[in-house]
Amino acid sequence: MPRVSWRSAMEKAEGEVWRQRIEEDLATKPWIEVAEACAYGCQCRNLRLKPWQSPPIWLVGVAPEEAADDHRGGYRAALLLQQMLAVGVSYLHPDPVAALAAIENGRQ
């Protein structure tokens, strides 16, 4: 599976204003902090989450059975993250469902 660049995914999604913001942030913050912020935004958008719902990136280190099964969707997000990590998809991936689908299609 080709590597997905969080940076290029964010640039395509948000355009020039976000590209400039990312460049500014990279000049002053650790790259992982910038990458996680970008992944958060992309995951929320690509999973069509409501503002109160949790993206997978928020559940790193939380097992599905430990996550709250409530309106925030913690259980589902933790389960999705567990599936991602099990097949080698990074927690930073901007579109987890698409990544899992691509892997599944590659197996068929």
N, C-alpha and C. Protein backbone atom coordinates (compact mmCIF):
# COMPACT_ATOMS: atom_id res chain seq x y z
N MET A 1 0.85 -1.18 0.00
CA MET A 1 0.00 0.00 0.00
C MET A 1 0.89 1.24 0.00
N PRO A 2 0.61 2.21 -0.88
CA PRO A 2 1.44 3.41 -0.90
C PRO A 2 1.28 4.23 0.38
N ARG A 3 2.37 4.85 0.76
CA ARG A 3 2.34 5.70 1.94
C ARG A 3 1.54 6.96 1.66
N VAL A 4 0.73 7.35 2.58
CA VAL A 4 -0.06 8.57 2.44
C VAL A 4 0.62 9.67 3.24
N SER A 5 0.88 10.76 2.59
CA SER A 5 1.50 11.88 3.27
C SER A 5 0.43 12.72 3.94
N TRP A 6 0.49 12.83 5.25
CA TRP A 6 -0.48 13.64 5.98
C TRP A 6 -0.43 15.07 5.49
N ARG A 7 0.75 15.51 5.14
CA ARG A 7 0.92 16.88 4.69
C ARG A 7 0.22 17.13 3.36
N SER A 8 0.42 16.25 2.39
CA SER A 8 -0.22 16.44 1.09
C SER A 8 -1.73 16.26 1.19
N ALA A 9 -2.17 15.35 2.05
CA ALA A 9 -3.62 15.17 2.24
C ALA A 9 -4.24 16.43 2.80
N MET A 10 -3.58 17.03 3.76
CA MET A 10 -4.11 18.25 4.36
C MET A 10 -4.07 19.40 3.36
N GLU A 11 -3.00 19.51 2.61
CA GLU A 11 -2.90 20.58 1.62
C GLU A 11 -4.02 20.48 0.58
N LYS A 12 -4.26 19.27 0.10
CA LYS A 12 -5.32 19.09 -0.89
C LYS A 12 -6.67 19.45 -0.29
N ALA A 13 -6.87 19.08 0.95
CA ALA A 13 -8.16 19.30 1.59
C ALA A 13 -8.40 20.77 1.93
N GLU A 14 -7.41 21.47 2.32
CA GLU A 14 -7.61 22.82 2.85
C GLU A 14 -7.03 23.95 2.00
N GLY A 15 -6.16 23.62 1.07
CA GLY A 15 -5.66 24.64 0.18
C GLY A 15 -4.51 25.46 0.72
N GLU A 16 -4.28 26.55 0.07
CA GLU A 16 -3.12 27.39 0.33
C GLU A 16 -3.07 27.97 1.74
N VAL A 17 -4.20 28.37 2.29
CA VAL A 17 -4.20 28.96 3.63
C VAL A 17 -3.69 27.95 4.65
N TRP A 18 -4.18 26.72 4.54
CA TRP A 18 -3.73 25.69 5.46
C TRP A 18 -2.28 25.31 5.21
N ARG A 19 -1.86 25.30 3.97
CA ARG A 19 -0.46 24.99 3.67
C ARG A 19 0.45 25.99 4.37
N GLN A 20 0.11 27.26 4.29
CA GLN A 20 0.91 28.28 4.96
C GLN A 20 0.90 28.10 6.48
N ARG A 21 -0.26 27.77 7.02
CA ARG A 21 -0.38 27.55 8.46
C ARG A 21 0.47 26.37 8.89
N ILE A 22 0.46 25.31 8.10
CA ILE A 22 1.27 24.14 8.41
C ILE A 22 2.75 24.49 8.39
N GLU A 23 3.16 25.24 7.38
CA GLU A 23 4.57 25.65 7.29
C GLU A 23 4.96 26.49 8.51
N GLU A 24 4.11 27.41 8.92
CA GLU A 24 4.39 28.23 10.09
C GLU A 24 4.49 27.36 11.34
N ASP A 25 3.55 26.44 11.49
CA ASP A 25 3.56 25.56 12.66
C ASP A 25 4.81 24.68 12.68
N LEU A 26 5.21 24.17 11.51
CA LEU A 26 6.39 23.31 11.45
C LEU A 26 7.66 24.07 11.83
N ALA A 27 7.64 25.37 11.65
CA ALA A 27 8.81 26.18 12.00
C ALA A 27 8.94 26.37 13.51
N THR A 28 7.83 26.18 14.24
CA THR A 28 7.86 26.48 15.67
C THR A 28 7.45 25.32 16.57
N LYS A 29 6.90 24.26 16.00
CA LYS A 29 6.39 23.15 16.81
C LYS A 29 7.02 21.85 16.35
N PRO A 30 7.03 20.85 17.21
CA PRO A 30 7.51 19.53 16.78
C PRO A 30 6.62 19.00 15.65
N TRP A 31 7.24 18.30 14.69
CA TRP A 31 6.48 17.84 13.53
C TRP A 31 5.35 16.90 13.92
N ILE A 32 5.54 16.10 14.98
CA ILE A 32 4.49 15.15 15.37
C ILE A 32 3.25 15.89 15.86
N GLU A 33 3.45 16.99 16.52
CA GLU A 33 2.31 17.79 16.99
C GLU A 33 1.52 18.35 15.81
N VAL A 34 2.23 18.81 14.80
CA VAL A 34 1.59 19.34 13.59
C VAL A 34 0.90 18.20 12.83
N ALA A 35 1.57 17.06 12.73
CA ALA A 35 0.99 15.91 12.03
C ALA A 35 -0.29 15.44 12.71
N GLU A 36 -0.29 15.39 14.03
CA GLU A 36 -1.48 14.96 14.76
C GLU A 36 -2.63 15.95 14.60
N ALA A 37 -2.31 17.23 14.58
CA ALA A 37 -3.36 18.22 14.37
C ALA A 37 -3.97 18.09 12.98
N CYS A 38 -3.13 17.87 11.99
CA CYS A 38 -3.62 17.68 10.62
C CYS A 38 -4.45 16.41 10.51
N ALA A 39 -3.96 15.33 11.11
CA ALA A 39 -4.69 14.06 11.06
C ALA A 39 -6.05 14.19 11.75
N TYR A 40 -6.07 14.89 12.86
CA TYR A 40 -7.33 15.10 13.57
C TYR A 40 -8.36 15.77 12.65
N GLY A 41 -7.96 16.85 12.01
CA GLY A 41 -8.88 17.56 11.12
C GLY A 41 -9.35 16.71 9.95
N CYS A 42 -8.42 15.99 9.35
CA CYS A 42 -8.76 15.13 8.21
C CYS A 42 -9.67 13.98 8.63
N GLN A 43 -9.35 13.34 9.76
CA GLN A 43 -10.19 12.23 10.22
C GLN A 43 -11.60 12.70 10.54
N CYS A 44 -11.72 13.83 11.20
CA CYS A 44 -13.06 14.35 11.52
C CYS A 44 -13.85 14.61 10.24
N ARG A 45 -13.21 15.18 9.26
CA ARG A 45 -13.89 15.50 8.00
C ARG A 45 -14.22 14.22 7.22
N ASN A 46 -13.23 13.34 7.05
CA ASN A 46 -13.43 12.15 6.23
C ASN A 46 -14.38 11.14 6.85
N LEU A 47 -14.44 11.10 8.18
CA LEU A 47 -15.37 10.21 8.86
C LEU A 47 -16.73 10.88 9.10
N ARG A 48 -16.81 12.14 8.69
CA ARG A 48 -18.04 12.93 8.84
C ARG A 48 -18.54 12.93 10.30
N LEU A 49 -17.60 13.20 11.20
CA LEU A 49 -17.93 13.20 12.62
C LEU A 49 -18.63 14.48 13.02
N LYS A 50 -19.50 14.35 13.98
CA LYS A 50 -20.13 15.52 14.60
C LYS A 50 -19.09 16.15 15.54
N PRO A 51 -19.26 17.43 15.87
CA PRO A 51 -18.25 18.10 16.71
C PRO A 51 -17.97 17.41 18.04
N TRP A 52 -18.91 16.67 18.57
CA TRP A 52 -18.73 16.02 19.86
C TRP A 52 -18.20 14.59 19.74
N GLN A 53 -18.03 14.10 18.52
CA GLN A 53 -17.59 12.73 18.34
C GLN A 53 -16.06 12.61 18.29
N SER A 54 -15.58 11.46 18.68
CA SER A 54 -14.13 11.22 18.77
C SER A 54 -13.58 10.59 17.50
N PRO A 55 -12.49 11.15 16.96
CA PRO A 55 -11.79 10.50 15.85
C PRO A 55 -10.85 9.44 16.41
N PRO A 56 -10.42 8.51 15.59
CA PRO A 56 -9.51 7.46 16.06
C PRO A 56 -8.24 8.01 16.72
N ILE A 57 -7.71 9.09 16.21
CA ILE A 57 -6.46 9.64 16.74
C ILE A 57 -6.57 9.98 18.23
N TRP A 58 -7.77 10.26 18.71
CA TRP A 58 -7.95 10.58 20.13
C TRP A 58 -7.89 9.35 21.03
N LEU A 59 -7.99 8.16 20.43
CA LEU A 59 -8.09 6.94 21.24
C LEU A 59 -6.81 6.10 21.24
N VAL A 60 -5.69 6.70 20.87
CA VAL A 60 -4.42 5.97 20.89
C VAL A 60 -4.17 5.49 22.32
N GLY A 61 -3.92 4.20 22.44
CA GLY A 61 -3.65 3.62 23.75
C GLY A 61 -4.88 3.20 24.53
N VAL A 62 -6.06 3.33 23.93
CA VAL A 62 -7.31 2.95 24.60
C VAL A 62 -7.92 1.76 23.88
N ALA A 63 -8.13 0.69 24.60
CA ALA A 63 -8.77 -0.49 24.01
C ALA A 63 -10.26 -0.21 23.85
N PRO A 64 -10.88 -0.78 22.83
CA PRO A 64 -12.32 -0.54 22.62
C PRO A 64 -13.16 -0.82 23.86
N GLU A 65 -12.83 -1.89 24.58
CA GLU A 65 -13.64 -2.21 25.76
C GLU A 65 -13.43 -1.20 26.90
N GLU A 66 -12.39 -0.40 26.82
CA GLU A 66 -12.15 0.65 27.82
C GLU A 66 -12.79 1.98 27.43
N ALA A 67 -13.14 2.11 26.17
CA ALA A 67 -13.70 3.38 25.68
C ALA A 67 -15.19 3.45 26.00
N ALA A 68 -15.64 4.65 26.23
CA ALA A 68 -17.06 4.85 26.52
C ALA A 68 -17.89 4.57 25.27
N ASP A 69 -18.95 3.83 25.45
CA ASP A 69 -19.88 3.55 24.36
C ASP A 69 -21.06 4.51 24.51
N ASP A 70 -20.84 5.75 24.12
CA ASP A 70 -21.85 6.78 24.29
C ASP A 70 -21.98 7.63 23.03
N HIS A 71 -22.61 8.75 23.13
CA HIS A 71 -22.85 9.62 21.97
C HIS A 71 -21.56 10.18 21.36
N ARG A 72 -20.45 10.12 22.08
CA ARG A 72 -19.19 10.61 21.54
C ARG A 72 -18.53 9.60 20.61
N GLY A 73 -18.99 8.37 20.64
CA GLY A 73 -18.48 7.36 19.72
C GLY A 73 -17.10 6.84 20.05
N GLY A 74 -16.71 6.90 21.31
CA GLY A 74 -15.39 6.44 21.71
C GLY A 74 -15.14 4.98 21.40
N TYR A 75 -16.14 4.15 21.64
CA TYR A 75 -15.98 2.72 21.38
C TYR A 75 -15.73 2.47 19.91
N ARG A 76 -16.53 3.07 19.06
CA ARG A 76 -16.37 2.88 17.61
C ARG A 76 -15.03 3.42 17.12
N ALA A 77 -14.62 4.57 17.65
CA ALA A 77 -13.33 5.15 17.25
C ALA A 77 -12.17 4.26 17.69
N ALA A 78 -12.24 3.73 18.91
CA ALA A 78 -11.19 2.85 19.40
C ALA A 78 -11.15 1.55 18.61
N LEU A 79 -12.31 1.03 18.24
CA LEU A 79 -12.37 -0.18 17.43
C LEU A 79 -11.77 0.07 16.05
N LEU A 80 -12.11 1.20 15.45
CA LEU A 80 -11.55 1.56 14.14
C LEU A 80 -10.03 1.69 14.24
N LEU A 81 -9.55 2.34 15.28
CA LEU A 81 -8.11 2.49 15.47
C LEU A 81 -7.44 1.13 15.64
N GLN A 82 -8.05 0.24 16.40
CA GLN A 82 -7.51 -1.10 16.58
C GLN A 82 -7.41 -1.84 15.24
N GLN A 83 -8.43 -1.70 14.40
CA GLN A 83 -8.41 -2.33 13.08
C GLN A 83 -7.30 -1.72 12.21
N MET A 84 -7.15 -0.40 12.28
CA MET A 84 -6.12 0.29 11.51
C MET A 84 -4.73 -0.24 11.89
N LEU A 85 -4.45 -0.24 13.17
CA LEU A 85 -3.13 -0.62 13.64
C LEU A 85 -2.83 -2.10 13.36
N ALA A 86 -3.86 -2.93 13.40
CA ALA A 86 -3.68 -4.37 13.17
C ALA A 86 -3.19 -4.68 11.75
N VAL A 87 -3.54 -3.81 10.79
CA VAL A 87 -3.12 -4.05 9.41
C VAL A 87 -2.04 -3.07 8.95
N GLY A 88 -1.48 -2.32 9.89
CA GLY A 88 -0.36 -1.44 9.57
C GLY A 88 -0.72 -0.05 9.09
N VAL A 89 -1.95 0.38 9.31
CA VAL A 89 -2.35 1.74 8.95
C VAL A 89 -2.02 2.65 10.13
N SER A 90 -1.33 3.73 9.87
CA SER A 90 -0.92 4.65 10.92
C SER A 90 -2.11 5.34 11.57
N TYR A 91 -1.98 5.61 12.85
CA TYR A 91 -3.00 6.39 13.55
C TYR A 91 -3.12 7.80 12.98
N LEU A 92 -2.12 8.22 12.21
CA LEU A 92 -2.13 9.53 11.58
C LEU A 92 -2.83 9.54 10.22
N HIS A 93 -3.29 8.40 9.75
CA HIS A 93 -3.87 8.35 8.41
C HIS A 93 -5.08 9.28 8.35
N PRO A 94 -5.16 10.11 7.31
CA PRO A 94 -6.24 11.08 7.20
C PRO A 94 -7.60 10.48 6.88
N ASP A 95 -7.64 9.29 6.28
CA ASP A 95 -8.91 8.67 5.91
C ASP A 95 -8.88 7.18 6.25
N PRO A 96 -9.11 6.86 7.52
CA PRO A 96 -8.99 5.47 7.96
C PRO A 96 -9.87 4.48 7.21
N VAL A 97 -11.09 4.82 6.95
CA VAL A 97 -12.00 3.89 6.27
C VAL A 97 -11.50 3.60 4.85
N ALA A 98 -11.05 4.62 4.15
CA ALA A 98 -10.52 4.43 2.80
C ALA A 98 -9.27 3.56 2.83
N ALA A 99 -8.42 3.75 3.83
CA ALA A 99 -7.19 2.96 3.94
C ALA A 99 -7.52 1.49 4.18
N LEU A 100 -8.47 1.23 5.08
CA LEU A 100 -8.87 -0.15 5.35
C LEU A 100 -9.53 -0.78 4.13
N ALA A 101 -10.33 -0.02 3.41
CA ALA A 101 -10.98 -0.53 2.20
C ALA A 101 -9.94 -0.87 1.14
N ALA A 102 -8.93 -0.03 1.00
CA ALA A 102 -7.87 -0.28 0.01
C ALA A 102 -7.11 -1.56 0.34
N ILE A 103 -6.85 -1.78 1.61
CA ILE A 103 -6.17 -3.01 2.02
C ILE A 103 -7.06 -4.21 1.75
N GLU A 104 -8.32 -4.11 2.11
CA GLU A 104 -9.25 -5.21 1.87
C GLU A 104 -9.39 -5.52 0.39
N ASN A 105 -9.46 -4.50 -0.45
CA ASN A 105 -9.56 -4.70 -1.90
C ASN A 105 -8.29 -5.33 -2.45
N GLY A 106 -7.17 -5.03 -1.85
CA GLY A 106 -5.91 -5.61 -2.29
C GLY A 106 -5.79 -7.09 -1.97
N ARG A 107 -6.53 -7.53 -0.97
CA ARG A 107 -6.50 -8.93 -0.57
C ARG A 107 -7.41 -9.80 -1.44
N GLN A 108 -8.34 -9.19 -2.12
CA GLN A 108 -9.32 -9.96 -2.90
C GLN A 108 -8.80 -10.31 -4.27
